[in-house]
Amino acid sequence: MTDLKVLHRIREKDLYGVRVCLGIVDVSNQVVGFKKKKHYSDEVLGEELLDLPPQRFVTQAVWFDLADGAVEKIEKGKLDFHGGLHAVEHAAIAILPLFAMCDRNDIGGVSTPFHLDTGRAQVFIYDGYPGGIGIAEKGYEIIEGLWAATLKLIEECPCRDGCPACIQSPKCGNNNEPLDKKAAVILLRGLLRIET
């Protein structure tokens, strides 16, 4: 379980009518349990709850609003809005290392239909190290390219509903739920102003 609080905006820009921010955030991570799985399969053998203290650190993050009209298209299509946000977060985290020359495990993310600090739906991508190491800053600088590469990854993946090659994450704290591949495509096309 991960919570994120915005402490300070460093920079902000408008891209196609969408606000993109770079700033300082307080990340709180808490492991609440784990699943035992059969080797080489997804068969769950058992679940264990843990009572561990949260780990907190202050770092840098890039975050962005959504394009006007994208949410309405998702609702009209009876798709899962939260699942679309979550899928965009996962796919963007998978793609960013190609631009930032880092490992996927160096980055974390949070997506939410409503964030208290912004009053809007948000996707956050943050450096997984206290103080930050420049990954989120690189994401901010190349955000349009990140959106385009993320959209390409999802659209070109031959799976129907999402898989580890596109929107599933090996380190997701929510067991990759909810995820909605079609909603993610609508959100990314909206960010890039591509007609759907």
C-alpha atoms as a PDB file:
ATOM      1  CA  MET A   1       0.000   0.000   0.000  1.00  0.00           C
ATOM      2  CA  THR A   2       1.451   3.367  -1.062  1.00  0.00           C
ATOM      3  CA  ASP A   3       0.336   6.874  -0.127  1.00  0.00           C
ATOM      4  CA  LEU A   4       1.790  10.020  -1.630  1.00  0.00           C
ATOM      5  CA  LYS A   5       1.543  13.629  -0.476  1.00  0.00           C
ATOM      6  CA  VAL A   6       2.574  16.600  -2.603  1.00  0.00           C
ATOM      7  CA  LEU A   7       4.906  18.856  -0.615  1.00  0.00           C
ATOM      8  CA  HIS A   8       6.062  21.370  -3.228  1.00  0.00           C
ATOM      9  CA  ARG A   9       5.773  22.014  -6.969  1.00  0.00           C
ATOM     10  CA  ILE A  10       9.135  22.791  -8.575  1.00  0.00           C
ATOM     11  CA  ARG A  11       7.934  23.286 -12.148  1.00  0.00           C
ATOM     12  CA  GLU A  12       4.676  23.162 -14.059  1.00  0.00           C
ATOM     13  CA  LYS A  13       3.805  23.281 -17.743  1.00  0.00           C
ATOM     14  CA  ASP A  14       0.787  23.039 -19.989  1.00  0.00           C
ATOM     15  CA  LEU A  15       0.869  20.484 -22.804  1.00  0.00           C
ATOM     16  CA  TYR A  16      -2.170  20.210 -25.081  1.00  0.00           C
ATOM     17  CA  GLY A  17      -4.267  21.761 -22.321  1.00  0.00           C
ATOM     18  CA  VAL A  18      -3.034  19.240 -19.728  1.00  0.00           C
ATOM     19  CA  ARG A  19      -1.097  20.331 -16.641  1.00  0.00           C
ATOM     20  CA  VAL A  20       2.175  18.451 -16.037  1.00  0.00           C
ATOM     21  CA  CYS A  21       4.055  18.990 -12.752  1.00  0.00           C
ATOM     22  CA  LEU A  22       7.435  18.169 -11.273  1.00  0.00           C
ATOM     23  CA  GLY A  23       7.729  18.406  -7.526  1.00  0.00           C
ATOM     24  CA  ILE A  24       8.698  17.101  -4.127  1.00  0.00           C
ATOM     25  CA  VAL A  25       6.503  14.388  -2.621  1.00  0.00           C
ATOM     26  CA  ASP A  26       6.345  12.414   0.611  1.00  0.00           C
ATOM     27  CA  VAL A  27       5.925   8.704  -0.146  1.00  0.00           C
ATOM     28  CA  SER A  28       4.681   6.254   2.462  1.00  0.00           C
ATOM     29  CA  ASN A  29       4.958   2.552   1.622  1.00  0.00           C
ATOM     30  CA  GLN A  30       3.618  -0.255   3.791  1.00  0.00           C
ATOM     31  CA  VAL A  31       3.784  -3.976   3.102  1.00  0.00           C
ATOM     32  CA  VAL A  32       0.641  -5.519   4.578  1.00  0.00           C
ATOM     33  CA  GLY A  33       1.042  -9.104   3.400  1.00  0.00           C
ATOM     34  CA  PHE A  34       2.160 -11.492   0.717  1.00  0.00           C
ATOM     35  CA  LYS A  35       0.905 -14.470  -1.280  1.00  0.00           C
ATOM     36  CA  LYS A  36       2.657 -17.815  -1.530  1.00  0.00           C
ATOM     37  CA  LYS A  37       2.471 -19.080  -5.118  1.00  0.00           C
ATOM     38  CA  LYS A  38       3.357 -22.373  -6.694  1.00  0.00           C
ATOM     39  CA  HIS A  39       6.698 -22.166  -8.520  1.00  0.00           C
ATOM     40  CA  TYR A  40       6.213 -21.342 -12.235  1.00  0.00           C
ATOM     41  CA  SER A  41       2.465 -20.781 -11.924  1.00  0.00           C
ATOM     42  CA  ASP A  42      -0.046 -18.293 -10.575  1.00  0.00           C
ATOM     43  CA  GLU A  43      -1.681 -20.863  -8.305  1.00  0.00           C
ATOM     44  CA  VAL A  44      -1.976 -19.283  -4.841  1.00  0.00           C
ATOM     45  CA  LEU A  45      -0.973 -21.659  -2.052  1.00  0.00           C
ATOM     46  CA  GLY A  46      -1.731 -19.229   0.757  1.00  0.00           C
ATOM     47  CA  GLU A  47      -1.685 -15.659   1.991  1.00  0.00           C
ATOM     48  CA  GLU A  48       0.115 -14.196   4.971  1.00  0.00           C
ATOM     49  CA  LEU A  49      -0.713 -10.884   6.631  1.00  0.00           C
ATOM     50  CA  LEU A  50       2.140  -8.789   7.992  1.00  0.00           C
ATOM     51  CA  ASP A  51       2.213  -6.046  10.613  1.00  0.00           C
ATOM     52  CA  LEU A  52       5.140  -3.907   9.479  1.00  0.00           C
ATOM     53  CA  PRO A  53       5.658  -0.180  10.014  1.00  0.00           C
ATOM     54  CA  PRO A  54       5.376   2.079   6.959  1.00  0.00           C
ATOM     55  CA  GLN A  55       8.532   3.250   5.232  1.00  0.00           C
ATOM     56  CA  ARG A  56       8.554   6.955   4.382  1.00  0.00           C
ATOM     57  CA  PHE A  57      10.830   9.075   2.266  1.00  0.00           C
ATOM     58  CA  VAL A  58      10.781  12.409   0.462  1.00  0.00           C
ATOM     59  CA  THR A  59      11.636  12.323  -3.241  1.00  0.00           C
ATOM     60  CA  GLN A  60      10.849  13.876  -6.628  1.00  0.00           C
ATOM     61  CA  ALA A  61       7.849  12.986  -8.779  1.00  0.00           C
ATOM     62  CA  VAL A  62       6.292  13.916 -12.080  1.00  0.00           C
ATOM     63  CA  TRP A  63       2.506  13.925 -12.289  1.00  0.00           C
ATOM     64  CA  PHE A  64      -0.125  14.950 -14.790  1.00  0.00           C
ATOM     65  CA  ASP A  65      -3.814  15.692 -15.163  1.00  0.00           C
ATOM     66  CA  LEU A  66      -6.016  14.039 -17.759  1.00  0.00           C
ATOM     67  CA  ALA A  67      -7.351  15.459 -20.996  1.00  0.00           C
ATOM     68  CA  ASP A  68     -10.862  16.879 -21.005  1.00  0.00           C
ATOM     69  CA  GLY A  69     -13.380  14.418 -22.396  1.00  0.00           C
ATOM     70  CA  ALA A  70     -11.342  11.249 -21.767  1.00  0.00           C
ATOM     71  CA  VAL A  71     -13.267  10.301 -18.623  1.00  0.00           C
ATOM     72  CA  GLU A  72     -16.589  10.721 -20.434  1.00  0.00           C
ATOM     73  CA  LYS A  73     -15.405   8.412 -23.247  1.00  0.00           C
ATOM     74  CA  ILE A  74     -14.420   5.780 -20.685  1.00  0.00           C
ATOM     75  CA  GLU A  75     -17.779   6.032 -18.912  1.00  0.00           C
ATOM     76  CA  LYS A  76     -19.643   5.913 -22.232  1.00  0.00           C
ATOM     77  CA  GLY A  77     -17.725   2.758 -23.178  1.00  0.00           C
ATOM     78  CA  LYS A  78     -18.526   1.218 -19.753  1.00  0.00           C
ATOM     79  CA  LEU A  79     -14.810   0.795 -19.060  1.00  0.00           C
ATOM     80  CA  ASP A  80     -12.990   0.963 -15.718  1.00  0.00           C
ATOM     81  CA  PHE A  81     -11.613   4.482 -15.179  1.00  0.00           C
ATOM     82  CA  HIS A  82      -9.457   3.539 -12.181  1.00  0.00           C
ATOM     83  CA  GLY A  83      -8.223   0.487 -14.092  1.00  0.00           C
ATOM     84  CA  GLY A  84      -7.228   2.743 -16.995  1.00  0.00           C
ATOM     85  CA  LEU A  85      -5.278   5.100 -14.725  1.00  0.00           C
ATOM     86  CA  HIS A  86      -3.554   2.154 -13.067  1.00  0.00           C
ATOM     87  CA  ALA A  87      -2.647   0.667 -16.463  1.00  0.00           C
ATOM     88  CA  VAL A  88      -1.200   3.996 -17.664  1.00  0.00           C
ATOM     89  CA  GLU A  89       0.888   4.200 -14.477  1.00  0.00           C
ATOM     90  CA  HIS A  90       2.292   0.678 -14.915  1.00  0.00           C
ATOM     91  CA  ALA A  91       3.054   1.047 -18.627  1.00  0.00           C
ATOM     92  CA  ALA A  92       4.675   4.476 -18.170  1.00  0.00           C
ATOM     93  CA  ILE A  93       6.880   3.073 -15.382  1.00  0.00           C
ATOM     94  CA  ALA A  94       7.896   0.234 -17.715  1.00  0.00           C
ATOM     95  CA  ILE A  95       8.795   2.669 -20.538  1.00  0.00           C
ATOM     96  CA  LEU A  96      10.502   5.502 -18.608  1.00  0.00           C
ATOM     97  CA  PRO A  97      13.770   3.540 -18.069  1.00  0.00           C
ATOM     98  CA  LEU A  98      14.312   3.618 -21.842  1.00  0.00           C
ATOM     99  CA  PHE A  99      14.526   7.417 -21.635  1.00  0.00           C
ATOM    100  CA  ALA A 100      16.124   7.789 -18.186  1.00  0.00           C
ATOM    101  CA  MET A 101      18.675   4.945 -18.416  1.00  0.00           C
ATOM    102  CA  CYS A 102      17.597   3.388 -15.133  1.00  0.00           C
ATOM    103  CA  ASP A 103      16.029   0.180 -13.881  1.00  0.00           C
ATOM    104  CA  ARG A 104      12.268  -0.258 -13.552  1.00  0.00           C
ATOM    105  CA  ASN A 105      12.803  -0.930  -9.843  1.00  0.00           C
ATOM    106  CA  ASP A 106      14.239   2.593  -9.428  1.00  0.00           C
ATOM    107  CA  ILE A 107      10.773   4.050 -10.030  1.00  0.00           C
ATOM    108  CA  GLY A 108       7.486   3.915  -8.162  1.00  0.00           C
ATOM    109  CA  GLY A 109       4.031   5.117  -8.981  1.00  0.00           C
ATOM    110  CA  VAL A 110       0.610   6.019  -7.658  1.00  0.00           C
ATOM    111  CA  SER A 111      -2.573   6.487  -9.645  1.00  0.00           C
ATOM    112  CA  THR A 112      -5.873   7.631  -8.216  1.00  0.00           C
ATOM    113  CA  PRO A 113      -9.236   8.850  -9.506  1.00  0.00           C
ATOM    114  CA  PHE A 114      -9.043  11.660  -6.922  1.00  0.00           C
ATOM    115  CA  HIS A 115      -5.970  12.941  -5.117  1.00  0.00           C
ATOM    116  CA  LEU A 116      -6.511  15.149  -2.059  1.00  0.00           C
ATOM    117  CA  ASP A 117      -3.580  17.468  -2.819  1.00  0.00           C
ATOM    118  CA  THR A 118      -4.615  18.201  -6.410  1.00  0.00           C
ATOM    119  CA  GLY A 119      -8.378  17.702  -6.301  1.00  0.00           C
ATOM    120  CA  ARG A 120      -8.166  15.704  -9.539  1.00  0.00           C
ATOM    121  CA  ALA A 121      -7.434  12.286 -10.973  1.00  0.00           C
ATOM    122  CA  GLN A 122      -3.643  11.863 -11.174  1.00  0.00           C
ATOM    123  CA  VAL A 123      -0.874   9.579 -12.262  1.00  0.00           C
ATOM    124  CA  PHE A 124       2.332  10.063 -10.246  1.00  0.00           C
ATOM    125  CA  ILE A 125       5.724   8.575 -11.141  1.00  0.00           C
ATOM    126  CA  TYR A 126       8.379   9.052  -8.475  1.00  0.00           C
ATOM    127  CA  ASP A 127      12.051   8.308  -7.909  1.00  0.00           C
ATOM    128  CA  GLY A 128      12.381   5.318  -5.611  1.00  0.00           C
ATOM    129  CA  TYR A 129      15.213   6.968  -3.667  1.00  0.00           C
ATOM    130  CA  PRO A 130      15.163   9.607  -0.909  1.00  0.00           C
ATOM    131  CA  GLY A 131      15.795  13.048  -2.386  1.00  0.00           C
ATOM    132  CA  GLY A 132      15.385  11.769  -5.939  1.00  0.00           C
ATOM    133  CA  ILE A 133      18.034  10.939  -8.517  1.00  0.00           C
ATOM    134  CA  GLY A 134      16.708  12.729 -11.598  1.00  0.00           C
ATOM    135  CA  ILE A 135      14.404  10.079 -13.076  1.00  0.00           C
ATOM    136  CA  ALA A 136      11.166  12.008 -12.458  1.00  0.00           C
ATOM    137  CA  GLU A 137      12.854  15.159 -13.750  1.00  0.00           C
ATOM    138  CA  LYS A 138      13.744  13.338 -16.983  1.00  0.00           C
ATOM    139  CA  GLY A 139      10.133  12.133 -17.200  1.00  0.00           C
ATOM    140  CA  TYR A 140       8.933  15.721 -16.867  1.00  0.00           C
ATOM    141  CA  GLU A 141      11.287  16.880 -19.630  1.00  0.00           C
ATOM    142  CA  ILE A 142      10.216  14.185 -22.116  1.00  0.00           C
ATOM    143  CA  ILE A 143       6.594  13.691 -21.005  1.00  0.00           C
ATOM    144  CA  GLU A 144       5.120  13.860 -24.512  1.00  0.00           C
ATOM    145  CA  GLY A 145       7.556  11.209 -25.743  1.00  0.00           C
ATOM    146  CA  LEU A 146       6.791   9.121 -22.660  1.00  0.00           C
ATOM    147  CA  TRP A 147       3.045   9.273 -23.361  1.00  0.00           C
ATOM    148  CA  ALA A 148       3.597   8.365 -27.035  1.00  0.00           C
ATOM    149  CA  ALA A 149       5.904   5.418 -26.225  1.00  0.00           C
ATOM    150  CA  THR A 150       3.515   4.208 -23.506  1.00  0.00           C
ATOM    151  CA  LEU A 151       0.583   4.327 -25.929  1.00  0.00           C
ATOM    152  CA  LYS A 152       2.619   2.440 -28.559  1.00  0.00           C
ATOM    153  CA  LEU A 153       3.552  -0.257 -26.017  1.00  0.00           C
ATOM    154  CA  ILE A 154      -0.076  -0.833 -25.061  1.00  0.00           C
ATOM    155  CA  GLU A 155      -1.591  -0.617 -28.547  1.00  0.00           C
ATOM    156  CA  GLU A 156       1.001  -2.884 -30.174  1.00  0.00           C
ATOM    157  CA  CYS A 157       0.826  -5.597 -27.523  1.00  0.00           C
ATOM    158  CA  PRO A 158      -1.185  -8.474 -29.051  1.00  0.00           C
ATOM    159  CA  CYS A 159      -2.893  -9.428 -25.781  1.00  0.00           C
ATOM    160  CA  ARG A 160      -6.595  -8.668 -25.360  1.00  0.00           C
ATOM    161  CA  ASP A 161      -6.931  -7.487 -21.767  1.00  0.00           C
ATOM    162  CA  GLY A 162      -3.396  -6.696 -20.600  1.00  0.00           C
ATOM    163  CA  CYS A 163      -0.386  -8.822 -19.751  1.00  0.00           C
ATOM    164  CA  PRO A 164       3.100  -8.536 -18.184  1.00  0.00           C
ATOM    165  CA  ALA A 165       4.434  -7.206 -21.509  1.00  0.00           C
ATOM    166  CA  CYS A 166       2.186  -4.122 -21.432  1.00  0.00           C
ATOM    167  CA  ILE A 167       0.137  -3.080 -18.360  1.00  0.00           C
ATOM    168  CA  GLN A 168       0.851  -5.591 -15.597  1.00  0.00           C
ATOM    169  CA  SER A 169       3.647  -4.831 -13.132  1.00  0.00           C
ATOM    170  CA  PRO A 170       5.741  -7.383 -11.230  1.00  0.00           C
ATOM    171  CA  LYS A 171       5.905  -5.050  -8.212  1.00  0.00           C
ATOM    172  CA  CYS A 172       2.300  -3.867  -8.032  1.00  0.00           C
ATOM    173  CA  GLY A 173       1.082  -3.608  -4.444  1.00  0.00           C
ATOM    174  CA  ASN A 174      -2.533  -4.102  -5.577  1.00  0.00           C
ATOM    175  CA  ASN A 175      -2.016  -7.459  -7.309  1.00  0.00           C
ATOM    176  CA  ASN A 176      -2.457  -5.726 -10.697  1.00  0.00           C
ATOM    177  CA  GLU A 177      -6.072  -4.854  -9.951  1.00  0.00           C
ATOM    178  CA  PRO A 178      -7.911  -3.013 -11.322  1.00  0.00           C
ATOM    179  CA  LEU A 179      -6.420  -2.755 -14.815  1.00  0.00           C
ATOM    180  CA  ASP A 180      -8.207  -1.764 -18.037  1.00  0.00           C
ATOM    181  CA  LYS A 181      -6.193  -1.783 -21.256  1.00  0.00           C
ATOM    182  CA  LYS A 182      -8.885  -0.121 -23.395  1.00  0.00           C
ATOM    183  CA  ALA A 183      -9.393   2.689 -20.873  1.00  0.00           C
ATOM    184  CA  ALA A 184      -5.607   3.265 -20.759  1.00  0.00           C
ATOM    185  CA  VAL A 185      -5.546   3.703 -24.553  1.00  0.00           C
ATOM    186  CA  ILE A 186      -8.348   6.288 -24.338  1.00  0.00           C
ATOM    187  CA  LEU A 187      -6.513   8.205 -21.589  1.00  0.00           C
ATOM    188  CA  LEU A 188      -3.206   8.248 -23.472  1.00  0.00           C
ATOM    189  CA  ARG A 189      -4.830   9.181 -26.793  1.00  0.00           C
ATOM    190  CA  GLY A 190      -6.567  12.021 -24.959  1.00  0.00           C
ATOM    191  CA  LEU A 191      -3.257  13.265 -23.534  1.00  0.00           C
ATOM    192  CA  LEU A 192      -1.733  13.263 -27.017  1.00  0.00           C
ATOM    193  CA  ARG A 193      -4.859  14.741 -28.649  1.00  0.00           C
ATOM    194  CA  ILE A 194      -5.272  11.714 -30.933  1.00  0.00           C
ATOM    195  CA  GLU A 195      -8.887  11.112 -31.990  1.00  0.00           C
ATOM    196  CA  THR A 196     -10.354   7.772 -30.875  1.00  0.00           C
END
